[in-house]
Amino acid sequence: MTTTYAVRVDEDIKNQAAEVARFYGLDLASVTRALWTQIARTRRIPLDFTDEEPNEESLEAIRETEEMIATGSGERYKTARELLDAAMAS
């Protein structure tokens, strides 16, 4: 037996969630069924309500990247292979 359940959600949040679901080849109904199935199977809610804060290394990388964008500095690569080769050489 199946049932229908209506959910009220902000349209922007729904659209963003749908985009993520599509990335994984799913629709929101499938994701919702999977979430409920996992809740029932594990007897817990598989969500993390903590804010993710970048660590200091990540913050430094963000600052460096913002500076490169602002000044137009930094290396440029024509292909992903050139980028990977440069990264591996470091």
PDB file of N, CA and C in Angstrom:
ATOM      1  N   MET A   1       0.839  -1.180   0.000  1.00  0.00           N
ATOM      2  CA  MET A   1       0.000   0.000   0.000  1.00  0.00           C
ATOM      3  C   MET A   1       0.885   1.243   0.000  1.00  0.00           C
ATOM      4  N   THR A   2       0.559   2.234  -0.780  1.00  0.00           N
ATOM      5  CA  THR A   2       1.307   3.486  -0.813  1.00  0.00           C
ATOM      6  C   THR A   2       0.400   4.629  -0.399  1.00  0.00           C
ATOM      7  N   THR A   3       1.010   5.737  -0.041  1.00  0.00           N
ATOM      8  CA  THR A   3       0.275   6.923   0.355  1.00  0.00           C
ATOM      9  C   THR A   3       0.932   8.143  -0.262  1.00  0.00           C
ATOM     10  N   THR A   4       0.218   9.225  -0.307  1.00  0.00           N
ATOM     11  CA  THR A   4       0.742  10.482  -0.825  1.00  0.00           C
ATOM     12  C   THR A   4       0.931  11.430   0.338  1.00  0.00           C
ATOM     13  N   TYR A   5       2.026  12.183   0.301  1.00  0.00           N
ATOM     14  CA  TYR A   5       2.351  13.117   1.377  1.00  0.00           C
ATOM     15  C   TYR A   5       2.779  14.431   0.740  1.00  0.00           C
ATOM     16  N   ALA A   6       2.138  15.528   1.096  1.00  0.00           N
ATOM     17  CA  ALA A   6       2.480  16.842   0.547  1.00  0.00           C
ATOM     18  C   ALA A   6       3.458  17.542   1.485  1.00  0.00           C
ATOM     19  N   VAL A   7       4.431  18.226   0.909  1.00  0.00           N
ATOM     20  CA  VAL A   7       5.441  18.930   1.704  1.00  0.00           C
ATOM     21  C   VAL A   7       5.468  20.388   1.265  1.00  0.00           C
ATOM     22  N   ARG A   8       5.423  21.291   2.212  1.00  0.00           N
ATOM     23  CA  ARG A   8       5.554  22.717   1.903  1.00  0.00           C
ATOM     24  C   ARG A   8       7.010  23.099   2.075  1.00  0.00           C
ATOM     25  N   VAL A   9       7.583  23.702   1.035  1.00  0.00           N
ATOM     26  CA  VAL A   9       8.992  24.079   1.077  1.00  0.00           C
ATOM     27  C   VAL A   9       9.189  25.315   0.206  1.00  0.00           C
ATOM     28  N   ASP A  10      10.127  26.145   0.577  1.00  0.00           N
ATOM     29  CA  ASP A  10      10.465  27.322  -0.208  1.00  0.00           C
ATOM     30  C   ASP A  10      10.845  26.894  -1.627  1.00  0.00           C
ATOM     31  N   GLU A  11      10.330  27.596  -2.628  1.00  0.00           N
ATOM     32  CA  GLU A  11      10.566  27.198  -4.023  1.00  0.00           C
ATOM     33  C   GLU A  11      12.044  27.216  -4.394  1.00  0.00           C
ATOM     34  N   ASP A  12      12.798  28.198  -3.896  1.00  0.00           N
ATOM     35  CA  ASP A  12      14.233  28.245  -4.194  1.00  0.00           C
ATOM     36  C   ASP A  12      14.953  27.023  -3.637  1.00  0.00           C
ATOM     37  N   ILE A  13      14.608  26.643  -2.409  1.00  0.00           N
ATOM     38  CA  ILE A  13      15.232  25.465  -1.801  1.00  0.00           C
ATOM     39  C   ILE A  13      14.861  24.217  -2.600  1.00  0.00           C
ATOM     40  N   LYS A  14      13.592  24.110  -2.995  1.00  0.00           N
ATOM     41  CA  LYS A  14      13.158  22.961  -3.801  1.00  0.00           C
ATOM     42  C   LYS A  14      13.938  22.890  -5.101  1.00  0.00           C
ATOM     43  N   ASN A  15      14.101  24.030  -5.767  1.00  0.00           N
ATOM     44  CA  ASN A  15      14.822  24.047  -7.041  1.00  0.00           C
ATOM     45  C   ASN A  15      16.293  23.669  -6.860  1.00  0.00           C
ATOM     46  N   GLN A  16      16.921  24.161  -5.790  1.00  0.00           N
ATOM     47  CA  GLN A  16      18.318  23.815  -5.525  1.00  0.00           C
ATOM     48  C   GLN A  16      18.446  22.326  -5.214  1.00  0.00           C
ATOM     49  N   ALA A  17      17.523  21.800  -4.425  1.00  0.00           N
ATOM     50  CA  ALA A  17      17.555  20.370  -4.094  1.00  0.00           C
ATOM     51  C   ALA A  17      17.322  19.529  -5.344  1.00  0.00           C
ATOM     52  N   ALA A  18      16.418  19.971  -6.208  1.00  0.00           N
ATOM     53  CA  ALA A  18      16.147  19.236  -7.447  1.00  0.00           C
ATOM     54  C   ALA A  18      17.384  19.198  -8.332  1.00  0.00           C
ATOM     55  N   GLU A  19      18.135  20.294  -8.350  1.00  0.00           N
ATOM     56  CA  GLU A  19      19.375  20.340  -9.137  1.00  0.00           C
ATOM     57  C   GLU A  19      20.375  19.305  -8.633  1.00  0.00           C
ATOM     58  N   VAL A  20      20.521  19.213  -7.314  1.00  0.00           N
ATOM     59  CA  VAL A  20      21.431  18.218  -6.736  1.00  0.00           C
ATOM     60  C   VAL A  20      20.933  16.809  -7.057  1.00  0.00           C
ATOM     61  N   ALA A  21      19.646  16.588  -6.910  1.00  0.00           N
ATOM     62  CA  ALA A  21      19.084  15.260  -7.212  1.00  0.00           C
ATOM     63  C   ALA A  21      19.347  14.886  -8.666  1.00  0.00           C
ATOM     64  N   ARG A  22      19.129  15.832  -9.590  1.00  0.00           N
ATOM     65  CA  ARG A  22      19.369  15.558 -11.017  1.00  0.00           C
ATOM     66  C   ARG A  22      20.828  15.201 -11.274  1.00  0.00           C
ATOM     67  N   PHE A  23      21.748  15.855 -10.550  1.00  0.00           N
ATOM     68  CA  PHE A  23      23.163  15.547 -10.697  1.00  0.00           C
ATOM     69  C   PHE A  23      23.412  14.057 -10.459  1.00  0.00           C
ATOM     70  N   TYR A  24      22.670  13.485  -9.522  1.00  0.00           N
ATOM     71  CA  TYR A  24      22.817  12.068  -9.196  1.00  0.00           C
ATOM     72  C   TYR A  24      21.857  11.182  -9.991  1.00  0.00           C
ATOM     73  N   GLY A  25      21.171  11.770 -10.970  1.00  0.00           N
ATOM     74  CA  GLY A  25      20.266  10.993 -11.800  1.00  0.00           C
ATOM     75  C   GLY A  25      18.946  10.660 -11.134  1.00  0.00           C
ATOM     76  N   LEU A  26      18.548  11.460 -10.161  1.00  0.00           N
ATOM     77  CA  LEU A  26      17.324  11.204  -9.406  1.00  0.00           C
ATOM     78  C   LEU A  26      16.364  12.382  -9.513  1.00  0.00           C
ATOM     79  N   ASP A  27      15.130  12.159  -9.084  1.00  0.00           N
ATOM     80  CA  ASP A  27      14.189  13.262  -8.929  1.00  0.00           C
ATOM     81  C   ASP A  27      13.895  13.409  -7.430  1.00  0.00           C
ATOM     82  N   LEU A  28      13.205  14.489  -7.067  1.00  0.00           N
ATOM     83  CA  LEU A  28      12.968  14.738  -5.642  1.00  0.00           C
ATOM     84  C   LEU A  28      12.097  13.664  -5.000  1.00  0.00           C
ATOM     85  N   ALA A  29      11.145  13.112  -5.738  1.00  0.00           N
ATOM     86  CA  ALA A  29      10.305  12.047  -5.166  1.00  0.00           C
ATOM     87  C   ALA A  29      11.154  10.832  -4.804  1.00  0.00           C
ATOM     88  N   SER A  30      12.089  10.466  -5.678  1.00  0.00           N
ATOM     89  CA  SER A  30      12.968   9.320  -5.399  1.00  0.00           C
ATOM     90  C   SER A  30      13.851   9.595  -4.198  1.00  0.00           C
ATOM     91  N   VAL A  31      14.387  10.813  -4.106  1.00  0.00           N
ATOM     92  CA  VAL A  31      15.242  11.172  -2.972  1.00  0.00           C
ATOM     93  C   VAL A  31      14.436  11.129  -1.678  1.00  0.00           C
ATOM     94  N   THR A  32      13.211  11.637  -1.721  1.00  0.00           N
ATOM     95  CA  THR A  32      12.365  11.635  -0.527  1.00  0.00           C
ATOM     96  C   THR A  32      12.053  10.205  -0.089  1.00  0.00           C
ATOM     97  N   ARG A  33      11.698   9.339  -1.038  1.00  0.00           N
ATOM     98  CA  ARG A  33      11.447   7.930  -0.685  1.00  0.00           C
ATOM     99  C   ARG A  33      12.697   7.284  -0.094  1.00  0.00           C
ATOM    100  N   ALA A  34      13.861   7.570  -0.686  1.00  0.00           N
ATOM    101  CA  ALA A  34      15.110   6.997  -0.175  1.00  0.00           C
ATOM    102  C   ALA A  34      15.392   7.490   1.240  1.00  0.00           C
ATOM    103  N   LEU A  35      15.145   8.773   1.501  1.00  0.00           N
ATOM    104  CA  LEU A  35      15.358   9.322   2.840  1.00  0.00           C
ATOM    105  C   LEU A  35      14.454   8.620   3.845  1.00  0.00           C
ATOM    106  N   TRP A  36      13.170   8.513   3.533  1.00  0.00           N
ATOM    107  CA  TRP A  36      12.233   7.869   4.455  1.00  0.00           C
ATOM    108  C   TRP A  36      12.579   6.399   4.662  1.00  0.00           C
ATOM    109  N   THR A  37      13.009   5.737   3.605  1.00  0.00           N
ATOM    110  CA  THR A  37      13.406   4.326   3.719  1.00  0.00           C
ATOM    111  C   THR A  37      14.605   4.182   4.647  1.00  0.00           C
ATOM    112  N   GLN A  38      15.569   5.088   4.505  1.00  0.00           N
ATOM    113  CA  GLN A  38      16.744   5.015   5.375  1.00  0.00           C
ATOM    114  C   GLN A  38      16.380   5.324   6.814  1.00  0.00           C
ATOM    115  N   ILE A  39      15.507   6.296   7.042  1.00  0.00           N
ATOM    116  CA  ILE A  39      15.054   6.588   8.412  1.00  0.00           C
ATOM    117  C   ILE A  39      14.420   5.343   9.030  1.00  0.00           C
ATOM    118  N   ALA A  40      13.542   4.695   8.273  1.00  0.00           N
ATOM    119  CA  ALA A  40      12.860   3.503   8.794  1.00  0.00           C
ATOM    120  C   ALA A  40      13.848   2.370   9.050  1.00  0.00           C
ATOM    121  N   ARG A  41      14.800   2.187   8.133  1.00  0.00           N
ATOM    122  CA  ARG A  41      15.757   1.081   8.259  1.00  0.00           C
ATOM    123  C   ARG A  41      16.741   1.291   9.411  1.00  0.00           C
ATOM    124  N   THR A  42      17.246   2.525   9.569  1.00  0.00           N
ATOM    125  CA  THR A  42      18.294   2.776  10.561  1.00  0.00           C
ATOM    126  C   THR A  42      17.753   3.294  11.892  1.00  0.00           C
ATOM    127  N   ARG A  43      16.486   3.692  11.891  1.00  0.00           N
ATOM    128  CA  ARG A  43      15.860   4.242  13.104  1.00  0.00           C
ATOM    129  C   ARG A  43      16.541   5.524  13.555  1.00  0.00           C
ATOM    130  N   ARG A  44      17.045   6.301  12.611  1.00  0.00           N
ATOM    131  CA  ARG A  44      17.635   7.607  12.922  1.00  0.00           C
ATOM    132  C   ARG A  44      17.455   8.524  11.724  1.00  0.00           C
ATOM    133  N   ILE A  45      17.614   9.823  11.944  1.00  0.00           N
ATOM    134  CA  ILE A  45      17.489  10.806  10.869  1.00  0.00           C
ATOM    135  C   ILE A  45      18.894  11.116  10.365  1.00  0.00           C
ATOM    136  N   PRO A  46      19.201  10.756   9.118  1.00  0.00           N
ATOM    137  CA  PRO A  46      20.570  10.884   8.599  1.00  0.00           C
ATOM    138  C   PRO A  46      20.886  12.290   8.100  1.00  0.00           C
ATOM    139  N   LEU A  47      20.768  13.261   8.989  1.00  0.00           N
ATOM    140  CA  LEU A  47      21.054  14.648   8.637  1.00  0.00           C
ATOM    141  C   LEU A  47      22.085  15.216   9.592  1.00  0.00           C
ATOM    142  N   ASP A  48      22.845  16.161   9.116  1.00  0.00           N
ATOM    143  CA  ASP A  48      23.840  16.852   9.933  1.00  0.00           C
ATOM    144  C   ASP A  48      23.419  18.315  10.031  1.00  0.00           C
ATOM    145  N   PHE A  49      23.123  18.774  11.228  1.00  0.00           N
ATOM    146  CA  PHE A  49      22.637  20.133  11.422  1.00  0.00           C
ATOM    147  C   PHE A  49      23.730  21.116  11.828  1.00  0.00           C
ATOM    148  N   THR A  50      24.970  20.692  11.786  1.00  0.00           N
ATOM    149  CA  THR A  50      26.061  21.592  12.150  1.00  0.00           C
ATOM    150  C   THR A  50      26.473  22.427  10.947  1.00  0.00           C
ATOM    151  N   ASP A  51      26.922  23.639  11.220  1.00  0.00           N
ATOM    152  CA  ASP A  51      27.463  24.482  10.162  1.00  0.00           C
ATOM    153  C   ASP A  51      28.861  23.990   9.827  1.00  0.00           C
ATOM    154  N   GLU A  52      29.135  23.880   8.547  1.00  0.00           N
ATOM    155  CA  GLU A  52      30.474  23.458   8.143  1.00  0.00           C
ATOM    156  C   GLU A  52      31.350  24.690   8.033  1.00  0.00           C
ATOM    157  N   GLU A  53      32.402  24.723   8.793  1.00  0.00           N
ATOM    158  CA  GLU A  53      33.341  25.832   8.803  1.00  0.00           C
ATOM    159  C   GLU A  53      34.634  25.359   8.154  1.00  0.00           C
ATOM    160  N   PRO A  54      35.146  26.114   7.200  1.00  0.00           N
ATOM    161  CA  PRO A  54      36.420  25.702   6.600  1.00  0.00           C
ATOM    162  C   PRO A  54      37.556  25.807   7.617  1.00  0.00           C
ATOM    163  N   ASN A  55      38.525  24.875   7.511  1.00  0.00           N
ATOM    164  CA  ASN A  55      39.674  24.933   8.411  1.00  0.00           C
ATOM    165  C   ASN A  55      40.629  26.033   7.938  1.00  0.00           C
ATOM    166  N   GLU A  56      41.670  26.279   8.703  1.00  0.00           N
ATOM    167  CA  GLU A  56      42.583  27.384   8.394  1.00  0.00           C
ATOM    168  C   GLU A  56      43.272  27.201   7.050  1.00  0.00           C
ATOM    169  N   GLU A  57      43.644  25.977   6.721  1.00  0.00           N
ATOM    170  CA  GLU A  57      44.284  25.715   5.427  1.00  0.00           C
ATOM    171  C   GLU A  57      43.338  26.072   4.275  1.00  0.00           C
ATOM    172  N   SER A  58      42.072  25.707   4.418  1.00  0.00           N
ATOM    173  CA  SER A  58      41.090  26.033   3.387  1.00  0.00           C
ATOM    174  C   SER A  58      40.862  27.537   3.303  1.00  0.00           C
ATOM    175  N   LEU A  59      40.785  28.200   4.459  1.00  0.00           N
ATOM    176  CA  LEU A  59      40.611  29.655   4.466  1.00  0.00           C
ATOM    177  C   LEU A  59      41.771  30.354   3.762  1.00  0.00           C
ATOM    178  N   GLU A  60      42.989  29.870   3.990  1.00  0.00           N
ATOM    179  CA  GLU A  60      44.167  30.448   3.327  1.00  0.00           C
ATOM    180  C   GLU A  60      44.076  30.238   1.820  1.00  0.00           C
ATOM    181  N   ALA A  61      43.663  29.049   1.398  1.00  0.00           N
ATOM    182  CA  ALA A  61      43.515  28.772  -0.038  1.00  0.00           C
ATOM    183  C   ALA A  61      42.455  29.678  -0.653  1.00  0.00           C
ATOM    184  N   ILE A  62      41.378  29.914   0.078  1.00  0.00           N
ATOM    185  CA  ILE A  62      40.324  30.818  -0.403  1.00  0.00           C
ATOM    186  C   ILE A  62      40.872  32.224  -0.558  1.00  0.00           C
ATOM    187  N   ARG A  63      41.622  32.688   0.436  1.00  0.00           N
ATOM    188  CA  ARG A  63      42.211  34.037   0.360  1.00  0.00           C
ATOM    189  C   ARG A  63      43.161  34.153  -0.827  1.00  0.00           C
ATOM    190  N   GLU A  64      44.007  33.141  -1.015  1.00  0.00           N
ATOM    191  CA  GLU A  64      44.951  33.160  -2.146  1.00  0.00           C
ATOM    192  C   GLU A  64      44.203  33.200  -3.479  1.00  0.00           C
ATOM    193  N   THR A  65      43.159  32.410  -3.588  1.00  0.00           N
ATOM    194  CA  THR A  65      42.389  32.364  -4.821  1.00  0.00           C
ATOM    195  C   THR A  65      41.702  33.700  -5.083  1.00  0.00           C
ATOM    196  N   GLU A  66      41.121  34.283  -4.051  1.00  0.00           N
ATOM    197  CA  GLU A  66      40.470  35.587  -4.215  1.00  0.00           C
ATOM    198  C   GLU A  66      41.477  36.646  -4.656  1.00  0.00           C
ATOM    199  N   GLU A  67      42.693  36.595  -4.105  1.00  0.00           N
ATOM    200  CA  GLU A  67      43.736  37.541  -4.497  1.00  0.00           C
ATOM    201  C   GLU A  67      44.132  37.333  -5.960  1.00  0.00           C
ATOM    202  N   MET A  68      44.287  36.073  -6.362  1.00  0.00           N
ATOM    203  CA  MET A  68      44.635  35.785  -7.761  1.00  0.00           C
ATOM    204  C   MET A  68      43.554  36.296  -8.719  1.00  0.00           C
ATOM    205  N   ILE A  69      42.293  36.114  -8.339  1.00  0.00           N
ATOM    206  CA  ILE A  69      41.199  36.581  -9.187  1.00  0.00           C
ATOM    207  C   ILE A  69      41.212  38.102  -9.268  1.00  0.00           C
ATOM    208  N   ALA A  70      41.410  38.749  -8.129  1.00  0.00           N
ATOM    209  CA  ALA A  70      41.391  40.211  -8.087  1.00  0.00           C
ATOM    210  C   ALA A  70      42.543  40.823  -8.875  1.00  0.00           C
ATOM    211  N   THR A  71      43.716  40.193  -8.830  1.00  0.00           N
ATOM    212  CA  THR A  71      44.897  40.769  -9.485  1.00  0.00           C
ATOM    213  C   THR A  71      45.156  40.186 -10.865  1.00  0.00           C
ATOM    214  N   GLY A  72      44.452  39.119 -11.209  1.00  0.00           N
ATOM    215  CA  GLY A  72      44.692  38.475 -12.495  1.00  0.00           C
ATOM    216  C   GLY A  72      45.985  37.694 -12.529  1.00  0.00           C
ATOM    217  N   SER A  73      46.546  37.411 -11.370  1.00  0.00           N
ATOM    218  CA  SER A  73      47.807  36.668 -11.313  1.00  0.00           C
ATOM    219  C   SER A  73      47.524  35.171 -11.224  1.00  0.00           C
ATOM    220  N   GLY A  74      48.571  34.410 -11.178  1.00  0.00           N
ATOM    221  CA  GLY A  74      48.420  32.964 -11.083  1.00  0.00           C
ATOM    222  C   GLY A  74      48.690  32.312 -12.425  1.00  0.00           C
ATOM    223  N   GLU A  75      48.939  31.044 -12.378  1.00  0.00           N
ATOM    224  CA  GLU A  75      49.233  30.291 -13.593  1.00  0.00           C
ATOM    225  C   GLU A  75      47.954  30.010 -14.367  1.00  0.00           C
ATOM    226  N   ARG A  76      48.092  29.897 -15.665  1.00  0.00           N
ATOM    227  CA  ARG A  76      46.971  29.518 -16.533  1.00  0.00           C
ATOM    228  C   ARG A  76      47.377  28.283 -17.320  1.00  0.00           C
ATOM    229  N   TYR A  77      46.431  27.395 -17.518  1.00  0.00           N
ATOM    230  CA  TYR A  77      46.696  26.148 -18.207  1.00  0.00           C
ATOM    231  C   TYR A  77      45.674  25.969 -19.325  1.00  0.00           C
ATOM    232  N   LYS A  78      46.138  25.419 -20.441  1.00  0.00           N
ATOM    233  CA  LYS A  78      45.246  25.211 -21.583  1.00  0.00           C
ATOM    234  C   LYS A  78      44.424  23.951 -21.433  1.00  0.00           C
ATOM    235  N   THR A  79      44.938  22.977 -20.711  1.00  0.00           N
ATOM    236  CA  THR A  79      44.233  21.706 -20.558  1.00  0.00           C
ATOM    237  C   THR A  79      44.284  21.254 -19.103  1.00  0.00           C
ATOM    238  N   ALA A  80      43.382  20.360 -18.783  1.00  0.00           N
ATOM    239  CA  ALA A  80      43.384  19.776 -17.441  1.00  0.00           C
ATOM    240  C   ALA A  80      44.677  18.991 -17.214  1.00  0.00           C
ATOM    241  N   ARG A  81      45.186  18.352 -18.259  1.00  0.00           N
ATOM    242  CA  ARG A  81      46.423  17.585 -18.139  1.00  0.00           C
ATOM    243  C   ARG A  81      47.572  18.485 -17.711  1.00  0.00           C
ATOM    244  N   GLU A  82      47.674  19.698 -18.336  1.00  0.00           N
ATOM    245  CA  GLU A  82      48.728  20.638 -17.950  1.00  0.00           C
ATOM    246  C   GLU A  82      48.579  21.039 -16.484  1.00  0.00           C
ATOM    247  N   LEU A  83      47.358  21.266 -16.040  1.00  0.00           N
ATOM    248  CA  LEU A  83      47.110  21.628 -14.647  1.00  0.00           C
ATOM    249  C   LEU A  83      47.542  20.488 -13.727  1.00  0.00           C
ATOM    250  N   LEU A  84      47.137  19.271 -14.041  1.00  0.00           N
ATOM    251  CA  LEU A  84      47.496  18.125 -13.199  1.00  0.00           C
ATOM    252  C   LEU A  84      49.001  17.891 -13.175  1.00  0.00           C
ATOM    253  N   ASP A  85      49.660  18.049 -14.334  1.00  0.00           N
ATOM    254  CA  ASP A  85      51.106  17.882 -14.382  1.00  0.00           C
ATOM    255  C   ASP A  85      51.801  18.915 -13.500  1.00  0.00           C
ATOM    256  N   ALA A  86      51.323  20.156 -13.548  1.00  0.00           N
ATOM    257  CA  ALA A  86      51.900  21.215 -12.713  1.00  0.00           C
ATOM    258  C   ALA A  86      51.666  20.926 -11.232  1.00  0.00           C
ATOM    259  N   ALA A  87      50.479  20.448 -10.906  1.00  0.00           N
ATOM    260  CA  ALA A  87      50.161  20.142  -9.510  1.00  0.00           C
ATOM    261  C   ALA A  87      51.008  18.992  -8.996  1.00  0.00           C
ATOM    262  N   MET A  88      51.233  17.987  -9.822  1.00  0.00           N
ATOM    263  CA  MET A  88      52.015  16.829  -9.409  1.00  0.00           C
ATOM    264  C   MET A  88      53.506  17.166  -9.284  1.00  0.00           C
ATOM    265  N   ALA A  89      53.954  18.180 -10.029  1.00  0.00           N
ATOM    266  CA  ALA A  89      55.353  18.572  -9.979  1.00  0.00           C
ATOM    267  C   ALA A  89      55.683  19.363  -8.718  1.00  0.00           C
ATOM    268  N   SER A  90      54.659  19.903  -8.081  1.00  0.00           N
ATOM    269  CA  SER A  90      54.884  20.731  -6.877  1.00  0.00           C
ATOM    270  C   SER A  90      55.272  19.910  -5.694  1.00  0.00           C
TER     271      SER A  90
END
